[in-house]
Amino acid sequence: GMAAVWQQVLAVDARYNAYRTPTFPQFRTQYIRRRSQLLRENAKAGHPPALRRQYLRLRGQLLGQRYGPLSEPGSARAYSNSIVRSSRTTLDRMEDFEDDPRALGARGHRRSVSRGSYQLQAQMNRAVYEDRPPGSVVPTSAAEASRAMAGDTSLSENYAFAGMYHVFDQHVDEAVPRVRFANDDRHRLACCSLDGSISLCQLVPAPPTVLRVLRGHTRGVSDFAWSLSNDILVSTSLDATMRIWASEDGRCIREIPDPDGAELLCCTFQPVNNNLTVVGNAKHNVHVMNISTGKKVKGGSSKLTGRVLALSFDAPGRLLWAGDDRGSVFSFLFDMATGKLTKAKRLVVHEGSPVTSISARSWVSREARDPSLLINACLNKLLLYRVVDNEGTLQLKRSFPIEQSSHPVRSIFCPLMSFRQGACVVTGSEDMCVHFFDVERAAKATVNKLQGHSAPVLDVSFNCDESLLASSDASGMVIVWRREQK
């Protein structure tokens, strides 16, 4: 009867479930249980049978496109054998187009991707949603499945962060340039400070506490990053060294001097191979470092026009963008096998304006299906660029008004946006507020503005389910905001 189609949908989901998060079976169980629950609820809604069959067909197509046809022998094996899997399970990560088993050869080796894969990505994203017959239930503003996944809230409701959950003041007096939740984690947070230390904080059980403080750098810590499994952190400092820390006990595993003996200003992990970290320094150089050997990778260095302040990889780790204090953003092709960098494109965002933050995203929302880059560049604007080709060429899509003329302000894409109407980005600002903007809204893009800091807000970070947002400022205050419970 009516429910039969939903049972068939669940059967398709269950057959593909073996392909999901191969290293984390508990997520598969959770996923299929939630799908079952949603489909049961939907069965009661009395949708016309034709609509249900349409949904079943589209669901099958989407899953086939994402994981390959079910009949392919060994495709599940190729998938699970593929290069070090990331544990990131946010919707965005699950949608990452390069994480597709069909991009793998029979033995799990990556085939080279055509130069046009960025255009292809945007086209594929669009085709799935736009070439659909009228009345179909692929996500539209009325789509039940989509609304259920997004919690049936509007963007404004969803980002109604109001209450302060906690204020950390262990670094007061010196700026906290970077604050980051651990990957796939709701309650672990780290922040680095110009006082030379990094603190690891735990938000649950209440009251939130500082678990440990990592000391060793002799000058300010400019940046840090969590490894995918959160077991190590890498940090860069104005003392011209990078350090590798064990997050479990806080010990320093290794100290690596900058190859040029220069102040280190930023760092990022290679997303697929966490053995490699890219750092940017004050002598205008980007270096790919092997953290196991402590050595610079051969062919992994390149010069920019100024001090390197910001770095970001695309999700597959094949493109790296680097921004400097003279207003340029360079793209590099990253050789996955050797770690070698090849300079591809240069964009002058604004001559002489420091580029302080770069974030990449394979697609922003179901309305904005282009690979995108979010940039802060001391222009009193937050800039959103479209990535137009495989060499990382950028095209300005739109900008949002903030205050930023001199501080190293950063911004982020929200982690869970794939199924929502609209899409949100969050940024710090020199007006001491945290700003939320909907990138799809033509006018009145502001979704929310959080007030509570008493100094320029430098960085923002979401936990994995977006229930908490952390922000840090130039006077060393870190505020954790809680989403309003409806």
Protein backbone atom coordinates (compact mmCIF):
# COMPACT_ATOMS: atom_id res chain seq x y z
CA GLY A 1 0.00 0.00 0.00
CA MET A 2 0.97 3.59 0.67
CA ALA A 3 3.81 2.62 3.02
CA ALA A 4 5.30 0.13 0.56
CA VAL A 5 7.20 2.79 -1.38
CA TRP A 6 8.79 4.12 1.80
CA GLN A 7 9.87 0.57 2.66
CA GLN A 8 11.47 0.32 -0.78
CA VAL A 9 13.24 3.63 -0.19
CA LEU A 10 14.57 2.30 3.10
CA ALA A 11 15.67 -0.91 1.37
CA VAL A 12 17.70 1.13 -1.17
CA ASP A 13 19.20 3.15 1.69
CA ALA A 14 20.07 -0.01 3.57
CA ARG A 15 21.79 -1.56 0.54
CA TYR A 16 23.99 1.50 0.11
CA ASN A 17 24.59 1.78 3.84
CA ALA A 18 27.61 -0.54 3.69
CA TYR A 19 29.38 2.18 1.68
CA ARG A 20 28.88 4.90 4.28
CA THR A 21 31.71 5.90 6.65
CA PRO A 22 33.56 2.56 6.24
CA THR A 23 35.68 3.12 9.34
CA PHE A 24 32.82 4.25 11.58
CA PRO A 25 30.06 1.61 11.55
CA GLN A 26 28.25 3.26 14.48
CA PHE A 27 27.33 6.20 12.22
CA ARG A 28 25.79 3.80 9.71
CA THR A 29 23.50 2.33 12.37
CA GLN A 30 22.53 5.80 13.56
CA TYR A 31 21.92 6.96 9.99
CA ILE A 32 19.66 4.09 8.96
CA ARG A 33 17.70 4.30 12.22
CA ARG A 34 17.05 8.01 11.65
CA ARG A 35 16.08 7.40 7.99
CA SER A 36 13.62 4.73 9.08
CA GLN A 37 12.10 7.13 11.61
CA LEU A 38 11.74 9.93 9.03
CA LEU A 39 10.26 7.66 6.38
CA ARG A 40 7.74 6.24 8.85
CA GLU A 41 6.65 9.78 9.74
CA ASN A 42 6.38 10.65 6.04
CA ALA A 43 4.32 7.56 5.27
CA LYS A 44 1.56 9.11 7.40
CA ALA A 45 1.59 12.33 5.37
CA GLY A 46 -0.48 10.83 2.55
CA HIS A 47 1.59 11.97 -0.45
CA PRO A 48 0.27 10.84 -3.85
CA PRO A 49 1.71 7.42 -4.89
CA ALA A 50 3.21 8.90 -8.09
CA LEU A 51 5.16 11.40 -5.99
CA ARG A 52 6.49 8.61 -3.77
CA ARG A 53 7.64 6.56 -6.74
CA GLN A 54 9.30 9.66 -8.18
CA TYR A 55 11.14 10.13 -4.86
CA LEU A 56 12.21 6.47 -4.84
CA ARG A 57 13.64 6.77 -8.35
CA LEU A 58 15.50 10.01 -7.60
CA ARG A 59 16.80 8.65 -4.31
CA GLY A 60 18.20 5.62 -6.17
CA GLN A 61 19.79 7.88 -8.80
CA LEU A 62 21.38 10.12 -6.16
CA LEU A 63 22.79 7.20 -4.19
CA GLY A 64 24.04 5.60 -7.40
CA GLN A 65 25.74 8.85 -8.37
CA ARG A 66 27.30 9.17 -4.94
CA TYR A 67 28.49 5.58 -4.39
CA GLY A 68 28.46 3.97 -7.85
CA PRO A 69 26.02 1.36 -9.16
CA LEU A 70 25.33 -1.47 -6.70
CA SER A 71 26.08 -4.16 -9.25
CA GLU A 72 29.77 -3.15 -9.49
CA PRO A 73 31.75 -5.97 -7.91
CA GLY A 74 34.38 -4.80 -5.48
CA SER A 75 33.19 -1.21 -5.44
CA ALA A 76 32.55 -1.33 -1.71
CA ARG A 77 36.00 -2.83 -1.26
CA ALA A 78 37.61 -0.15 -3.43
CA TYR A 79 35.77 2.42 -1.40
CA SER A 80 36.94 1.15 1.97
CA ASN A 81 40.52 0.68 0.74
CA SER A 82 40.72 4.23 -0.53
CA ILE A 83 43.28 6.68 0.73
CA VAL A 84 43.18 7.51 4.46
CA ARG A 85 39.54 8.26 5.11
CA SER A 86 38.64 11.42 6.86
CA SER A 87 36.39 10.94 9.86
CA ARG A 88 34.50 14.11 9.12
CA THR A 89 30.84 13.23 8.84
CA THR A 90 29.18 16.61 8.51
CA LEU A 91 26.77 16.75 5.58
CA ASP A 92 29.27 18.80 3.61
CA ARG A 93 31.94 16.16 4.01
CA MET A 94 29.54 13.42 2.96
CA GLU A 95 28.78 15.40 -0.17
CA ASP A 96 32.43 15.87 -1.11
CA PHE A 97 32.52 15.06 -4.77
CA GLU A 98 36.09 13.77 -4.92
CA ASP A 99 35.35 11.17 -2.22
CA ASP A 100 33.62 9.08 -4.81
CA PRO A 101 34.51 5.40 -5.23
CA ARG A 102 34.22 5.80 -8.99
CA ALA A 103 37.22 8.14 -8.88
CA LEU A 104 39.16 5.12 -7.63
CA GLY A 105 40.82 2.48 -9.77
CA ALA A 106 40.25 -1.22 -9.04
CA ARG A 107 42.90 -1.30 -6.33
CA GLY A 108 41.75 1.87 -4.64
CA HIS A 109 44.28 4.14 -6.37
CA ARG A 110 43.00 7.53 -7.44
CA ARG A 111 42.65 8.13 -11.13
CA SER A 112 43.69 11.57 -12.23
CA VAL A 113 40.79 13.98 -12.36
CA SER A 114 40.11 15.90 -15.53
CA ARG A 115 41.00 19.58 -15.58
CA GLY A 116 37.34 20.47 -15.78
CA SER A 117 36.27 18.68 -12.62
CA TYR A 118 35.37 21.94 -10.87
CA GLN A 119 33.02 22.93 -13.69
CA LEU A 120 31.79 19.33 -13.75
CA GLN A 121 31.18 19.44 -10.01
CA ALA A 122 29.03 22.56 -10.33
CA GLN A 123 27.15 21.09 -13.32
CA MET A 124 26.53 17.76 -11.61
CA ASN A 125 25.31 19.49 -8.48
CA ARG A 126 22.91 21.52 -10.58
CA ALA A 127 21.73 18.74 -12.88
CA VAL A 128 20.53 16.60 -10.02
CA TYR A 129 18.32 19.38 -8.70
CA GLU A 130 17.29 21.33 -11.77
CA ASP A 131 16.50 18.69 -14.39
CA ARG A 132 13.56 17.36 -12.48
CA PRO A 133 9.95 17.11 -13.52
CA PRO A 134 7.51 19.54 -11.90
CA GLY A 135 6.11 18.34 -8.60
CA SER A 136 9.00 16.06 -7.70
CA VAL A 137 10.20 15.85 -4.11
CA VAL A 138 13.91 16.48 -4.59
CA PRO A 139 14.77 19.20 -2.05
CA THR A 140 12.79 22.37 -2.64
CA SER A 141 11.56 24.71 0.04
CA ALA A 142 8.59 22.37 0.51
CA ALA A 143 10.45 19.06 0.49
CA GLU A 144 9.58 17.08 3.58
CA ALA A 145 12.75 14.97 3.77
CA SER A 146 14.92 18.02 3.37
CA ARG A 147 13.01 19.96 5.99
CA ALA A 148 13.18 17.08 8.42
CA MET A 149 16.95 16.83 8.01
CA ALA A 150 17.39 20.53 8.56
CA GLY A 151 15.07 20.46 11.56
CA ASP A 152 12.25 22.27 9.76
CA THR A 153 13.63 25.65 10.76
CA SER A 154 14.28 28.79 8.78
CA LEU A 155 17.88 30.05 8.63
CA SER A 156 17.05 32.82 11.07
CA GLU A 157 15.61 30.35 13.56
CA ASN A 158 18.45 27.95 13.03
CA TYR A 159 21.08 30.58 13.77
CA ALA A 160 19.25 32.22 16.64
CA PHE A 161 22.29 32.01 18.89
CA ALA A 162 21.54 34.16 21.85
CA GLY A 163 22.66 32.90 25.22
CA MET A 164 26.28 32.82 26.25
CA TYR A 165 27.03 29.25 27.26
CA HIS A 166 30.42 30.03 28.76
CA VAL A 167 33.18 32.65 28.76
CA PHE A 168 36.83 31.51 28.87
CA ASP A 169 39.26 34.15 30.08
CA GLN A 170 42.49 32.17 30.60
CA HIS A 171 44.23 34.20 27.88
CA VAL A 172 42.98 37.67 28.79
CA ASP A 173 45.46 40.49 28.01
CA GLU A 174 46.75 38.87 24.80
CA ALA A 175 44.79 38.29 21.58
CA VAL A 176 43.40 34.84 20.73
CA PRO A 177 43.85 34.72 16.92
CA ARG A 178 42.40 31.24 16.46
CA VAL A 179 39.69 29.15 18.14
CA ARG A 180 38.67 25.72 16.83
CA PHE A 181 36.36 22.91 17.87
CA ALA A 182 37.85 19.44 17.39
CA ASN A 183 36.65 17.59 14.27
CA ASP A 184 33.27 15.87 14.61
CA ASP A 185 33.17 16.95 18.20
CA ARG A 186 30.53 18.86 20.13
CA HIS A 187 32.40 19.66 23.31
CA ARG A 188 36.17 19.90 22.79
CA LEU A 189 37.60 23.28 21.94
CA ALA A 190 41.13 24.65 21.60
CA CYS A 191 42.41 28.19 21.32
CA CYS A 192 45.87 29.67 20.77
CA SER A 193 47.09 32.96 22.13
CA LEU A 194 49.73 35.58 21.53
CA ASP A 195 50.74 34.83 25.18
CA GLY A 196 52.61 31.82 23.69
CA SER A 197 50.26 29.05 24.87
CA ILE A 198 47.44 26.88 23.53
CA SER A 199 44.59 25.80 25.79
CA LEU A 200 42.39 22.71 25.40
CA CYS A 201 38.90 23.12 26.85
CA GLN A 202 36.05 20.72 27.60
CA LEU A 203 32.48 22.10 27.56
CA VAL A 204 30.64 19.08 29.01
CA PRO A 205 30.07 18.02 31.76
CA ALA A 206 29.25 21.43 33.24
CA PRO A 207 30.92 23.57 34.33
CA PRO A 208 33.17 23.90 31.25
CA THR A 209 36.86 23.59 32.13
CA VAL A 210 40.32 24.21 30.73
CA LEU A 211 41.69 20.65 30.52
CA ARG A 212 45.30 21.59 29.87
CA VAL A 213 47.51 24.39 28.64
CA LEU A 214 50.22 23.58 26.09
CA ARG A 215 53.35 25.59 26.81
CA GLY A 216 56.67 25.61 24.98
CA HIS A 217 56.56 28.32 22.33
CA THR A 218 58.66 31.31 23.41
CA ARG A 219 56.54 33.88 21.53
CA GLY A 220 52.90 34.25 20.44
CA VAL A 221 51.11 31.31 18.80
CA SER A 222 49.74 32.56 15.47
CA ASP A 223 47.73 29.52 14.36
CA PHE A 224 47.05 25.84 15.04
CA ALA A 225 45.10 22.93 13.54
CA TRP A 226 43.56 19.66 14.78
CA SER A 227 44.44 16.47 12.90
CA LEU A 228 41.42 14.62 11.47
CA SER A 229 41.38 12.11 14.32
CA ASN A 230 42.01 14.91 16.88
CA ASP A 231 44.93 13.02 18.41
CA ILE A 232 47.48 15.67 17.51
CA LEU A 233 47.60 19.43 17.08
CA VAL A 234 50.12 21.36 15.05
CA SER A 235 50.88 24.98 15.97
CA THR A 236 52.87 27.83 14.40
CA SER A 237 54.50 30.65 16.32
CA LEU A 238 56.26 33.98 15.96
CA ASP A 239 59.24 32.18 17.57
CA ALA A 240 59.95 30.70 14.08
CA THR A 241 59.00 27.13 15.04
CA MET A 242 56.10 24.78 14.54
CA ARG A 243 55.26 22.25 17.24
CA ILE A 244 53.42 18.94 17.18
CA TRP A 245 51.40 18.19 20.34
CA ALA A 246 49.62 15.09 21.64
CA SER A 247 46.13 16.27 22.57
CA GLU A 248 45.62 13.39 25.02
CA ASP A 249 48.29 14.47 27.52
CA GLY A 250 49.46 17.81 26.12
CA ARG A 251 53.09 16.81 25.59
CA CYS A 252 55.11 18.31 22.76
CA ILE A 253 56.02 15.45 20.40
CA ARG A 254 58.29 17.49 18.15
CA GLU A 255 59.56 21.00 17.55
CA ILE A 256 60.40 21.90 13.94
CA PRO A 257 62.23 25.13 13.07
CA ASP A 258 60.97 27.13 10.08
CA PRO A 259 63.22 26.36 7.07
CA ASP A 260 63.83 30.12 6.62
CA GLY A 261 64.14 30.90 10.34
CA ALA A 262 61.18 33.28 9.92
CA GLU A 263 58.11 33.96 12.04
CA LEU A 264 55.45 31.37 11.20
CA LEU A 265 52.03 32.93 10.66
CA CYS A 266 49.63 30.15 9.62
CA CYS A 267 49.26 26.40 9.14
CA THR A 268 46.88 23.80 7.76
CA PHE A 269 46.84 19.99 7.52
CA GLN A 270 46.69 18.34 4.11
CA PRO A 271 43.11 16.98 4.41
CA VAL A 272 43.81 13.48 3.06
CA ASN A 273 47.38 12.96 4.27
CA ASN A 274 47.75 14.32 7.80
CA ASN A 275 51.45 13.52 7.71
CA LEU A 276 51.85 16.72 5.70
CA THR A 277 51.24 20.20 7.07
CA VAL A 278 51.55 23.43 5.10
CA VAL A 279 52.92 26.52 6.88
CA GLY A 280 53.21 30.15 5.78
CA ASN A 281 55.92 32.50 7.05
CA ALA A 282 56.95 36.15 7.29
CA LYS A 283 59.61 35.73 4.56
CA HIS A 284 56.82 35.29 1.97
CA ASN A 285 57.22 31.50 1.73
CA VAL A 286 54.81 28.57 1.84
CA HIS A 287 56.41 25.25 2.89
CA VAL A 288 54.97 21.72 2.88
CA MET A 289 56.40 20.01 5.99
CA ASN A 290 56.48 16.30 6.77
CA ILE A 291 55.64 16.20 10.47
CA SER A 292 56.92 12.63 10.89
CA THR A 293 60.42 13.48 9.73
CA GLY A 294 60.41 17.18 10.64
CA LYS A 295 61.72 17.93 7.13
CA LYS A 296 60.53 20.17 4.33
CA VAL A 297 59.08 18.25 1.35
CA LYS A 298 61.16 18.42 -1.85
CA GLY A 299 59.41 20.72 -4.30
CA GLY A 300 56.94 21.74 -1.59
CA SER A 301 57.97 25.40 -1.26
CA SER A 302 56.86 28.52 -3.08
CA LYS A 303 57.19 32.29 -2.73
CA LEU A 304 54.31 34.75 -2.51
CA THR A 305 54.43 38.55 -2.85
CA GLY A 306 54.13 39.15 0.91
CA ARG A 307 53.91 37.64 4.38
CA VAL A 308 51.73 34.51 4.20
CA LEU A 309 48.71 35.01 6.48
CA ALA A 310 46.09 32.48 5.37
CA LEU A 311 45.94 28.96 3.89
CA SER A 312 43.12 26.66 2.80
CA PHE A 313 42.88 23.37 0.90
CA ASP A 314 39.85 22.28 -1.08
CA ALA A 315 38.21 19.17 0.45
CA PRO A 316 40.01 16.60 -1.75
CA GLY A 317 43.36 18.24 -0.97
CA ARG A 318 44.34 18.85 -4.60
CA LEU A 319 44.18 22.64 -4.56
CA LEU A 320 45.74 24.94 -2.00
CA TRP A 321 45.06 28.66 -1.72
CA ALA A 322 47.43 31.02 0.12
CA GLY A 323 46.83 34.68 0.92
CA ASP A 324 49.44 37.32 1.78
CA ASP A 325 49.61 40.75 3.40
CA ARG A 326 49.96 42.51 0.02
CA GLY A 327 46.47 41.55 -1.11
CA SER A 328 47.19 38.51 -3.29
CA VAL A 329 45.67 35.02 -3.23
CA PHE A 330 47.65 32.31 -5.03
CA SER A 331 46.33 28.88 -5.97
CA PHE A 332 48.63 25.85 -6.09
CA LEU A 333 48.15 22.39 -7.51
CA PHE A 334 49.13 19.90 -4.81
CA ASP A 335 50.68 16.60 -5.94
CA MET A 336 49.08 13.98 -3.67
CA ALA A 337 51.89 11.48 -4.20
CA THR A 338 54.90 13.73 -3.54
CA GLY A 339 53.60 16.83 -1.72
CA LYS A 340 55.01 19.02 -4.51
CA LEU A 341 53.38 22.43 -5.09
CA THR A 342 52.83 23.92 -8.55
CA LYS A 343 51.83 27.58 -8.68
CA ALA A 344 48.66 27.93 -10.76
CA LYS A 345 46.82 31.26 -10.48
CA ARG A 346 47.13 34.61 -8.73
CA LEU A 347 44.28 36.95 -7.87
CA VAL A 348 44.93 40.43 -6.49
CA VAL A 349 41.96 40.87 -4.14
CA HIS A 350 43.01 44.45 -3.38
CA GLU A 351 46.53 45.83 -3.75
CA GLY A 352 48.12 46.26 -0.31
CA SER A 353 45.21 44.85 1.72
CA PRO A 354 46.20 41.87 3.92
CA VAL A 355 44.28 38.65 3.17
CA THR A 356 43.65 37.37 6.71
CA SER A 357 41.34 34.39 6.14
CA ILE A 358 40.52 31.86 3.40
CA SER A 359 37.95 29.02 3.69
CA ALA A 360 37.10 26.62 0.86
CA ARG A 361 33.89 24.71 0.36
CA SER A 362 32.95 22.18 -2.34
CA TRP A 363 29.37 23.45 -2.38
CA VAL A 364 27.61 25.88 -0.14
CA SER A 365 23.95 24.88 -0.24
CA ARG A 366 21.46 23.41 -2.62
CA GLU A 367 20.89 26.88 -4.07
CA ALA A 368 24.61 27.66 -4.33
CA ARG A 369 26.16 24.66 -5.97
CA ASP A 370 29.49 26.12 -7.00
CA PRO A 371 32.73 25.31 -5.23
CA SER A 372 33.39 28.50 -3.25
CA LEU A 373 36.00 30.45 -1.31
CA LEU A 374 35.29 32.82 1.57
CA ILE A 375 37.91 35.56 2.08
CA ASN A 376 38.59 38.34 4.60
CA ALA A 377 40.89 41.03 3.27
CA CYS A 378 40.77 44.19 5.45
CA LEU A 379 38.34 45.89 3.04
CA ASN A 380 35.45 46.32 5.47
CA LYS A 381 33.83 43.50 3.48
CA LEU A 382 33.59 39.73 3.64
CA LEU A 383 34.10 38.33 0.11
CA LEU A 384 32.58 35.20 -1.42
CA TYR A 385 34.26 33.85 -4.58
CA ARG A 386 33.24 31.14 -7.00
CA VAL A 387 35.96 28.62 -7.94
CA VAL A 388 35.61 28.44 -11.73
CA ASP A 389 38.13 25.80 -12.77
CA ASN A 390 40.55 23.11 -11.69
CA GLU A 391 43.39 25.58 -11.27
CA GLY A 392 41.56 27.51 -8.57
CA THR A 393 40.67 30.56 -10.65
CA LEU A 394 38.34 32.81 -8.61
CA GLN A 395 35.40 34.97 -9.61
CA LEU A 396 33.79 37.35 -7.10
CA LYS A 397 30.25 36.26 -6.37
CA ARG A 398 29.25 38.78 -3.69
CA SER A 399 30.37 40.68 -0.62
CA PHE A 400 28.92 41.48 2.81
CA PRO A 401 29.56 44.60 4.91
CA ILE A 402 31.67 44.11 8.08
CA GLU A 403 34.25 46.23 9.84
CA GLN A 404 37.78 45.08 9.07
CA SER A 405 40.61 47.38 8.17
CA SER A 406 43.59 46.20 10.23
CA HIS A 407 42.96 43.14 12.42
CA PRO A 408 43.45 39.49 11.32
CA VAL A 409 39.72 38.68 11.25
CA ARG A 410 38.59 35.19 10.11
CA SER A 411 35.35 33.69 8.82
CA ILE A 412 33.82 30.23 8.21
CA PHE A 413 31.14 28.40 6.25
CA CYS A 414 28.55 26.76 8.50
CA PRO A 415 29.21 23.00 8.67
CA LEU A 416 25.65 21.70 8.08
CA MET A 417 24.12 23.53 5.20
CA SER A 418 23.65 21.12 2.33
CA PHE A 419 19.91 20.54 2.73
CA ARG A 420 18.76 23.94 3.91
CA GLN A 421 17.07 26.74 2.11
CA GLY A 422 19.74 29.43 1.97
CA ALA A 423 23.26 29.07 3.32
CA CYS A 424 25.04 30.78 6.14
CA VAL A 425 28.55 32.13 6.66
CA VAL A 426 29.86 33.56 9.94
CA THR A 427 32.61 36.10 10.46
CA GLY A 428 34.36 38.09 13.14
CA SER A 429 34.50 41.87 12.81
CA GLU A 430 36.25 44.90 14.25
CA ASP A 431 32.88 46.27 15.47
CA MET A 432 33.16 43.66 18.30
CA CYS A 433 30.25 41.61 16.89
CA VAL A 434 29.88 38.16 15.30
CA HIS A 435 27.97 38.43 12.00
CA PHE A 436 25.88 35.72 10.28
CA PHE A 437 25.08 36.25 6.58
CA ASP A 438 22.83 34.26 4.23
CA VAL A 439 24.81 34.01 0.97
CA GLU A 440 21.62 33.40 -1.00
CA ARG A 441 19.65 36.41 0.14
CA ALA A 442 19.94 39.30 -2.30
CA ALA A 443 18.94 42.04 0.13
CA LYS A 444 19.20 42.18 3.93
CA ALA A 445 21.67 39.30 4.07
CA THR A 446 22.22 39.60 7.84
CA VAL A 447 20.72 36.60 9.65
CA ASN A 448 22.07 37.35 13.13
CA LYS A 449 24.55 39.54 14.99
CA LEU A 450 26.00 38.55 18.36
CA GLN A 451 27.11 41.27 20.75
CA GLY A 452 29.16 40.57 23.85
CA HIS A 453 32.82 41.06 23.01
CA SER A 454 34.62 44.23 24.07
CA ALA A 455 37.37 44.02 21.41
CA PRO A 456 37.55 43.13 17.69
CA VAL A 457 36.32 39.56 17.10
CA LEU A 458 39.14 37.64 15.39
CA ASP A 459 37.89 34.09 14.87
CA VAL A 460 34.74 31.93 14.96
CA SER A 461 34.22 28.15 15.10
CA PHE A 462 31.17 25.86 15.09
CA ASN A 463 30.98 22.50 16.81
CA CYS A 464 29.93 19.61 14.53
CA ASP A 465 26.17 19.83 15.04
CA GLU A 466 26.02 23.64 15.14
CA SER A 467 24.58 23.70 18.65
CA LEU A 468 27.52 25.79 19.90
CA LEU A 469 29.57 28.59 18.35
CA ALA A 470 32.86 29.86 19.80
CA SER A 471 34.31 33.31 19.09
CA SER A 472 37.61 34.85 20.20
CA ASP A 473 38.76 38.45 20.36
CA ALA A 474 41.78 40.75 20.38
CA SER A 475 41.74 41.08 24.18
CA GLY A 476 41.93 37.31 24.75
CA MET A 477 38.29 36.62 25.59
CA VAL A 478 36.65 33.45 24.19
CA ILE A 479 32.84 33.29 24.25
CA VAL A 480 30.89 30.08 23.61
CA TRP A 481 27.34 30.83 22.39
CA ARG A 482 24.44 28.42 22.64
CA ARG A 483 21.72 28.11 20.03
CA GLU A 484 18.32 29.14 21.34
CA GLN A 485 16.33 26.05 22.23
CA LYS A 486 12.92 26.21 20.53
